[in-house]
Amino acid sequence: MDLRDSRWEGREFVRCSFVDSDLNAARTTNVVFTECDFTGADLGESVHVGSAFRNCIFHRSSLWHSRFVRCTFLGSSISRARLRPVTFEETDLSLVGFGGADLQGVELSGCRLREADLAGVDLRKAGLQGADLTGARTGGLRLSGADLRGARTDPQLWVTADLAGARIDVSQALAFAAAHGLDIAE
């Protein structure tokens, strides 16, 4: 389906197939996609404001150069997708399965990643300032050089993720020390 340069506002799509569709440069505002399949779809250079992608599938999709502002991907699955560079601003990525995605250098500051599956995800040099990572699965998560200042995390992040060179604040340093069994004395 060729939907290049589409402009949608205030619409709702339920269980629709956008498989292999060309949505390049599409624009959505306050659009709700529920259980839609975007497998192989090209959403490159698209812009989405206030839109919801609930329980959607993005397998082998292209999201590069796309921008998502105040959107939600609640419960969606993003696997083997082309993501970089992509922009997420104030976006809710809770319960999203990222399938080992390459998000190296992506800006996710202020985003919600609660209970997301981040296992094996590459977030090296990513911006995660003020992000909410509570409940996220973090085994094998690569955060080398990432900026985590002000991010909310669970203790297991400090022992399951690769954190070499990550920027953290003082309270996070104390949480790291406690997670590694250090006795913190004043």
C-alpha atoms as a PDB file:
ATOM      1  CA  MET A   1       0.000   0.000   0.000  1.00  0.00           C
ATOM      2  CA  ASP A   2       1.438   3.399  -0.933  1.00  0.00           C
ATOM      3  CA  LEU A   3       0.445   5.847   1.790  1.00  0.00           C
ATOM      4  CA  ARG A   4       3.457   8.125   1.368  1.00  0.00           C
ATOM      5  CA  ASP A   5       2.903  11.666   2.650  1.00  0.00           C
ATOM      6  CA  SER A   6      -0.466  10.705   4.225  1.00  0.00           C
ATOM      7  CA  ARG A   7      -1.962  13.159   6.718  1.00  0.00           C
ATOM      8  CA  TRP A   8      -4.223  11.629   9.379  1.00  0.00           C
ATOM      9  CA  GLU A   9      -5.815  13.397  12.325  1.00  0.00           C
ATOM     10  CA  GLY A  10      -8.144  12.038  15.009  1.00  0.00           C
ATOM     11  CA  ARG A  11      -8.627   8.677  13.292  1.00  0.00           C
ATOM     12  CA  GLU A  12      -8.687   5.164  14.722  1.00  0.00           C
ATOM     13  CA  PHE A  13      -7.390   1.942  13.180  1.00  0.00           C
ATOM     14  CA  VAL A  14      -8.083  -1.447  14.812  1.00  0.00           C
ATOM     15  CA  ARG A  15      -6.376  -4.674  13.711  1.00  0.00           C
ATOM     16  CA  CYS A  16      -5.370  -3.158  10.374  1.00  0.00           C
ATOM     17  CA  SER A  17      -2.567  -4.506   8.224  1.00  0.00           C
ATOM     18  CA  PHE A  18       0.063  -2.028   7.079  1.00  0.00           C
ATOM     19  CA  VAL A  19       2.418  -4.877   6.088  1.00  0.00           C
ATOM     20  CA  ASP A  20       5.074  -3.645   3.628  1.00  0.00           C
ATOM     21  CA  SER A  21       3.243  -0.309   3.286  1.00  0.00           C
ATOM     22  CA  ASP A  22       5.023   2.868   2.246  1.00  0.00           C
ATOM     23  CA  LEU A  23       4.229   5.383   4.995  1.00  0.00           C
ATOM     24  CA  ASN A  24       7.310   7.487   4.287  1.00  0.00           C
ATOM     25  CA  ALA A  25       6.858  11.095   5.431  1.00  0.00           C
ATOM     26  CA  ALA A  26       3.380  10.335   6.834  1.00  0.00           C
ATOM     27  CA  ARG A  27       1.975  12.676   9.496  1.00  0.00           C
ATOM     28  CA  THR A  28      -0.392  11.594  12.279  1.00  0.00           C
ATOM     29  CA  THR A  29      -1.949  13.713  14.996  1.00  0.00           C
ATOM     30  CA  ASN A  30      -4.006  12.078  17.767  1.00  0.00           C
ATOM     31  CA  VAL A  31      -4.415   8.867  15.757  1.00  0.00           C
ATOM     32  CA  VAL A  32      -4.949   5.540  17.552  1.00  0.00           C
ATOM     33  CA  PHE A  33      -3.580   2.299  16.089  1.00  0.00           C
ATOM     34  CA  THR A  34      -4.680  -0.782  18.069  1.00  0.00           C
ATOM     35  CA  GLU A  35      -3.220  -4.224  17.310  1.00  0.00           C
ATOM     36  CA  CYS A  36      -2.049  -3.092  13.879  1.00  0.00           C
ATOM     37  CA  ASP A  37       0.719  -4.857  11.951  1.00  0.00           C
ATOM     38  CA  PHE A  38       3.484  -2.654  10.513  1.00  0.00           C
ATOM     39  CA  THR A  39       5.755  -5.565   9.500  1.00  0.00           C
ATOM     40  CA  GLY A  40       8.137  -4.365   6.787  1.00  0.00           C
ATOM     41  CA  ALA A  41       6.474  -0.945   6.649  1.00  0.00           C
ATOM     42  CA  ASP A  42       8.517   2.141   5.807  1.00  0.00           C
ATOM     43  CA  LEU A  43       7.709   4.906   8.301  1.00  0.00           C
ATOM     44  CA  GLY A  44      10.919   6.777   7.526  1.00  0.00           C
ATOM     45  CA  GLU A  45      10.827  10.552   7.962  1.00  0.00           C
ATOM     46  CA  SER A  46       7.307  10.374   9.413  1.00  0.00           C
ATOM     47  CA  VAL A  47       6.081  12.614  12.255  1.00  0.00           C
ATOM     48  CA  HIS A  48       3.584  11.509  14.906  1.00  0.00           C
ATOM     49  CA  VAL A  49       2.148  13.809  17.570  1.00  0.00           C
ATOM     50  CA  GLY A  50      -0.092  12.513  20.357  1.00  0.00           C
ATOM     51  CA  SER A  51      -0.674   9.244  18.494  1.00  0.00           C
ATOM     52  CA  ALA A  52      -1.019   5.807  20.086  1.00  0.00           C
ATOM     53  CA  PHE A  53       0.409   2.548  18.775  1.00  0.00           C
ATOM     54  CA  ARG A  54      -1.145   0.012  21.180  1.00  0.00           C
ATOM     55  CA  ASN A  55      -0.052  -3.628  20.930  1.00  0.00           C
ATOM     56  CA  CYS A  56       1.246  -3.056  17.409  1.00  0.00           C
ATOM     57  CA  ILE A  57       3.929  -5.055  15.588  1.00  0.00           C
ATOM     58  CA  PHE A  58       6.943  -3.326  14.024  1.00  0.00           C
ATOM     59  CA  HIS A  59       8.975  -6.251  12.644  1.00  0.00           C
ATOM     60  CA  ARG A  60      11.612  -5.293  10.036  1.00  0.00           C
ATOM     61  CA  SER A  61       9.997  -1.832   9.905  1.00  0.00           C
ATOM     62  CA  SER A  62      11.916   1.307   9.065  1.00  0.00           C
ATOM     63  CA  LEU A  63      11.477   4.127  11.582  1.00  0.00           C
ATOM     64  CA  TRP A  64      14.668   5.982  10.720  1.00  0.00           C
ATOM     65  CA  HIS A  65      14.491   9.767  10.782  1.00  0.00           C
ATOM     66  CA  SER A  66      10.983   9.511  12.296  1.00  0.00           C
ATOM     67  CA  ARG A  67       9.779  11.667  15.160  1.00  0.00           C
ATOM     68  CA  PHE A  68       7.336  10.643  17.891  1.00  0.00           C
ATOM     69  CA  VAL A  69       6.118  13.406  20.224  1.00  0.00           C
ATOM     70  CA  ARG A  70       3.889  12.590  23.238  1.00  0.00           C
ATOM     71  CA  CYS A  71       3.035   9.212  21.688  1.00  0.00           C
ATOM     72  CA  THR A  72       2.537   5.792  23.251  1.00  0.00           C
ATOM     73  CA  PHE A  73       3.687   2.379  22.087  1.00  0.00           C
ATOM     74  CA  LEU A  74       2.144   0.519  25.032  1.00  0.00           C
ATOM     75  CA  GLY A  75       2.666  -3.226  24.653  1.00  0.00           C
ATOM     76  CA  SER A  76       4.023  -3.032  21.108  1.00  0.00           C
ATOM     77  CA  SER A  77       6.797  -5.194  19.679  1.00  0.00           C
ATOM     78  CA  ILE A  78       9.717  -3.642  17.803  1.00  0.00           C
ATOM     79  CA  SER A  79      12.079  -6.251  16.368  1.00  0.00           C
ATOM     80  CA  ARG A  80      14.772  -6.174  13.691  1.00  0.00           C
ATOM     81  CA  ALA A  81      13.634  -2.651  12.856  1.00  0.00           C
ATOM     82  CA  ARG A  82      15.753   0.133  11.410  1.00  0.00           C
ATOM     83  CA  LEU A  83      15.590   2.741  14.143  1.00  0.00           C
ATOM     84  CA  ARG A  84      18.575   5.064  14.012  1.00  0.00           C
ATOM     85  CA  PRO A  85      18.273   7.948  13.962  1.00  0.00           C
ATOM     86  CA  VAL A  86      14.817   8.183  15.504  1.00  0.00           C
ATOM     87  CA  THR A  87      13.434  10.784  17.925  1.00  0.00           C
ATOM     88  CA  PHE A  88      11.189   9.978  20.879  1.00  0.00           C
ATOM     89  CA  GLU A  89      10.010  13.004  22.895  1.00  0.00           C
ATOM     90  CA  GLU A  90       7.912  12.433  26.026  1.00  0.00           C
ATOM     91  CA  THR A  91       6.912   9.058  24.600  1.00  0.00           C
ATOM     92  CA  ASP A  92       5.547   6.103  26.576  1.00  0.00           C
ATOM     93  CA  LEU A  93       7.391   2.925  25.611  1.00  0.00           C
ATOM     94  CA  SER A  94       6.058   0.894  28.549  1.00  0.00           C
ATOM     95  CA  LEU A  95       5.805  -2.859  28.039  1.00  0.00           C
ATOM     96  CA  VAL A  96       7.481  -2.593  24.624  1.00  0.00           C
ATOM     97  CA  GLY A  97       9.559  -5.556  23.479  1.00  0.00           C
ATOM     98  CA  PHE A  98      12.640  -4.194  21.717  1.00  0.00           C
ATOM     99  CA  GLY A  99      14.061  -7.539  20.561  1.00  0.00           C
ATOM    100  CA  GLY A 100      17.735  -6.576  20.986  1.00  0.00           C
ATOM    101  CA  ALA A 101      17.286  -3.320  19.027  1.00  0.00           C
ATOM    102  CA  ASP A 102      20.124  -0.974  18.112  1.00  0.00           C
ATOM    103  CA  LEU A 103      19.242   2.317  19.815  1.00  0.00           C
ATOM    104  CA  GLN A 104      22.828   3.490  20.066  1.00  0.00           C
ATOM    105  CA  GLY A 105      22.940   7.268  20.562  1.00  0.00           C
ATOM    106  CA  VAL A 106      19.134   7.657  20.513  1.00  0.00           C
ATOM    107  CA  GLU A 107      17.638  10.369  22.706  1.00  0.00           C
ATOM    108  CA  LEU A 108      15.114   8.888  25.164  1.00  0.00           C
ATOM    109  CA  SER A 109      15.318  11.501  27.910  1.00  0.00           C
ATOM    110  CA  GLY A 110      12.039  11.835  29.778  1.00  0.00           C
ATOM    111  CA  CYS A 111      10.517   8.758  28.116  1.00  0.00           C
ATOM    112  CA  ARG A 112       8.724   5.963  29.991  1.00  0.00           C
ATOM    113  CA  LEU A 113      10.246   2.527  29.492  1.00  0.00           C
ATOM    114  CA  ARG A 114       8.468   0.877  32.416  1.00  0.00           C
ATOM    115  CA  GLU A 115       8.539  -2.919  32.226  1.00  0.00           C
ATOM    116  CA  ALA A 116       9.982  -2.742  28.694  1.00  0.00           C
ATOM    117  CA  ASP A 117      12.045  -5.670  27.436  1.00  0.00           C
ATOM    118  CA  LEU A 118      15.472  -4.079  27.024  1.00  0.00           C
ATOM    119  CA  ALA A 119      17.406  -7.360  27.220  1.00  0.00           C
ATOM    120  CA  GLY A 120      20.291  -7.245  24.765  1.00  0.00           C
ATOM    121  CA  VAL A 121      19.391  -3.741  23.552  1.00  0.00           C
ATOM    122  CA  ASP A 122      22.236  -1.439  22.507  1.00  0.00           C
ATOM    123  CA  LEU A 123      21.755   1.928  24.217  1.00  0.00           C
ATOM    124  CA  ARG A 124      25.415   2.949  24.162  1.00  0.00           C
ATOM    125  CA  LYS A 125      25.791   6.739  24.269  1.00  0.00           C
ATOM    126  CA  ALA A 126      21.994   7.123  24.467  1.00  0.00           C
ATOM    127  CA  GLY A 127      20.334  10.001  26.310  1.00  0.00           C
ATOM    128  CA  LEU A 128      18.206   8.626  29.146  1.00  0.00           C
ATOM    129  CA  GLN A 129      18.097  11.625  31.484  1.00  0.00           C
ATOM    130  CA  GLY A 130      14.958  11.489  33.607  1.00  0.00           C
ATOM    131  CA  ALA A 131      13.709   8.339  31.838  1.00  0.00           C
ATOM    132  CA  ASP A 132      11.654   5.801  33.800  1.00  0.00           C
ATOM    133  CA  LEU A 133      13.219   2.337  33.485  1.00  0.00           C
ATOM    134  CA  THR A 134      11.507   0.751  36.501  1.00  0.00           C
ATOM    135  CA  GLY A 135      10.560  -2.870  36.010  1.00  0.00           C
ATOM    136  CA  ALA A 136      12.454  -3.116  32.702  1.00  0.00           C
ATOM    137  CA  ARG A 137      14.253  -6.359  31.799  1.00  0.00           C
ATOM    138  CA  THR A 138      17.899  -5.337  31.508  1.00  0.00           C
ATOM    139  CA  GLY A 139      19.990  -8.506  31.092  1.00  0.00           C
ATOM    140  CA  GLY A 140      22.714  -7.815  28.533  1.00  0.00           C
ATOM    141  CA  LEU A 141      21.612  -4.182  28.144  1.00  0.00           C
ATOM    142  CA  ARG A 142      24.500  -2.067  26.848  1.00  0.00           C
ATOM    143  CA  LEU A 143      24.618   1.392  28.415  1.00  0.00           C
ATOM    144  CA  SER A 144      28.296   2.265  27.924  1.00  0.00           C
ATOM    145  CA  GLY A 145      28.627   6.033  27.672  1.00  0.00           C
ATOM    146  CA  ALA A 146      24.880   6.578  28.158  1.00  0.00           C
ATOM    147  CA  ASP A 147      23.594   9.525  30.188  1.00  0.00           C
ATOM    148  CA  LEU A 148      21.426   8.094  32.976  1.00  0.00           C
ATOM    149  CA  ARG A 149      21.334  11.128  35.267  1.00  0.00           C
ATOM    150  CA  GLY A 150      17.952  11.384  36.949  1.00  0.00           C
ATOM    151  CA  ALA A 151      16.668   8.136  35.413  1.00  0.00           C
ATOM    152  CA  ARG A 152      14.528   5.919  37.645  1.00  0.00           C
ATOM    153  CA  THR A 153      15.769   2.334  37.738  1.00  0.00           C
ATOM    154  CA  ASP A 154      15.475  -0.878  39.691  1.00  0.00           C
ATOM    155  CA  PRO A 155      18.496  -2.306  41.540  1.00  0.00           C
ATOM    156  CA  GLN A 156      18.994  -5.124  39.005  1.00  0.00           C
ATOM    157  CA  LEU A 157      19.990  -2.610  36.303  1.00  0.00           C
ATOM    158  CA  TRP A 158      23.160  -1.857  38.263  1.00  0.00           C
ATOM    159  CA  VAL A 159      24.244  -5.522  38.129  1.00  0.00           C
ATOM    160  CA  THR A 160      22.825  -6.789  34.799  1.00  0.00           C
ATOM    161  CA  ALA A 161      23.732  -3.987  32.362  1.00  0.00           C
ATOM    162  CA  ASP A 162      27.079  -2.954  30.869  1.00  0.00           C
ATOM    163  CA  LEU A 163      27.573   0.511  32.359  1.00  0.00           C
ATOM    164  CA  ALA A 164      31.206   1.345  31.504  1.00  0.00           C
ATOM    165  CA  GLY A 165      31.547   5.108  31.163  1.00  0.00           C
ATOM    166  CA  ALA A 166      27.850   5.823  31.788  1.00  0.00           C
ATOM    167  CA  ARG A 167      27.043   9.202  33.357  1.00  0.00           C
ATOM    168  CA  ILE A 168      25.122   8.879  36.627  1.00  0.00           C
ATOM    169  CA  ASP A 169      24.250  11.147  39.528  1.00  0.00           C
ATOM    170  CA  VAL A 170      25.214  10.749  43.196  1.00  0.00           C
ATOM    171  CA  SER A 171      22.049   8.914  44.277  1.00  0.00           C
ATOM    172  CA  GLN A 172      22.517   6.459  41.417  1.00  0.00           C
ATOM    173  CA  ALA A 173      26.147   5.919  42.441  1.00  0.00           C
ATOM    174  CA  LEU A 174      24.923   4.977  45.908  1.00  0.00           C
ATOM    175  CA  ALA A 175      22.326   2.605  44.408  1.00  0.00           C
ATOM    176  CA  PHE A 176      25.086   1.047  42.271  1.00  0.00           C
ATOM    177  CA  ALA A 177      27.287   0.543  45.331  1.00  0.00           C
ATOM    178  CA  ALA A 178      24.431  -0.973  47.336  1.00  0.00           C
ATOM    179  CA  ALA A 179      23.473  -3.300  44.457  1.00  0.00           C
ATOM    180  CA  HIS A 180      27.059  -4.590  44.446  1.00  0.00           C
ATOM    181  CA  GLY A 181      26.931  -5.318  48.180  1.00  0.00           C
ATOM    182  CA  LEU A 182      29.134  -2.446  49.285  1.00  0.00           C
ATOM    183  CA  ASP A 183      28.743  -1.144  52.830  1.00  0.00           C
ATOM    184  CA  ILE A 184      28.189   2.600  52.514  1.00  0.00           C
ATOM    185  CA  ALA A 185      29.363   4.480  55.612  1.00  0.00           C
ATOM    186  CA  GLU A 186      29.260   8.180  56.387  1.00  0.00           C
END
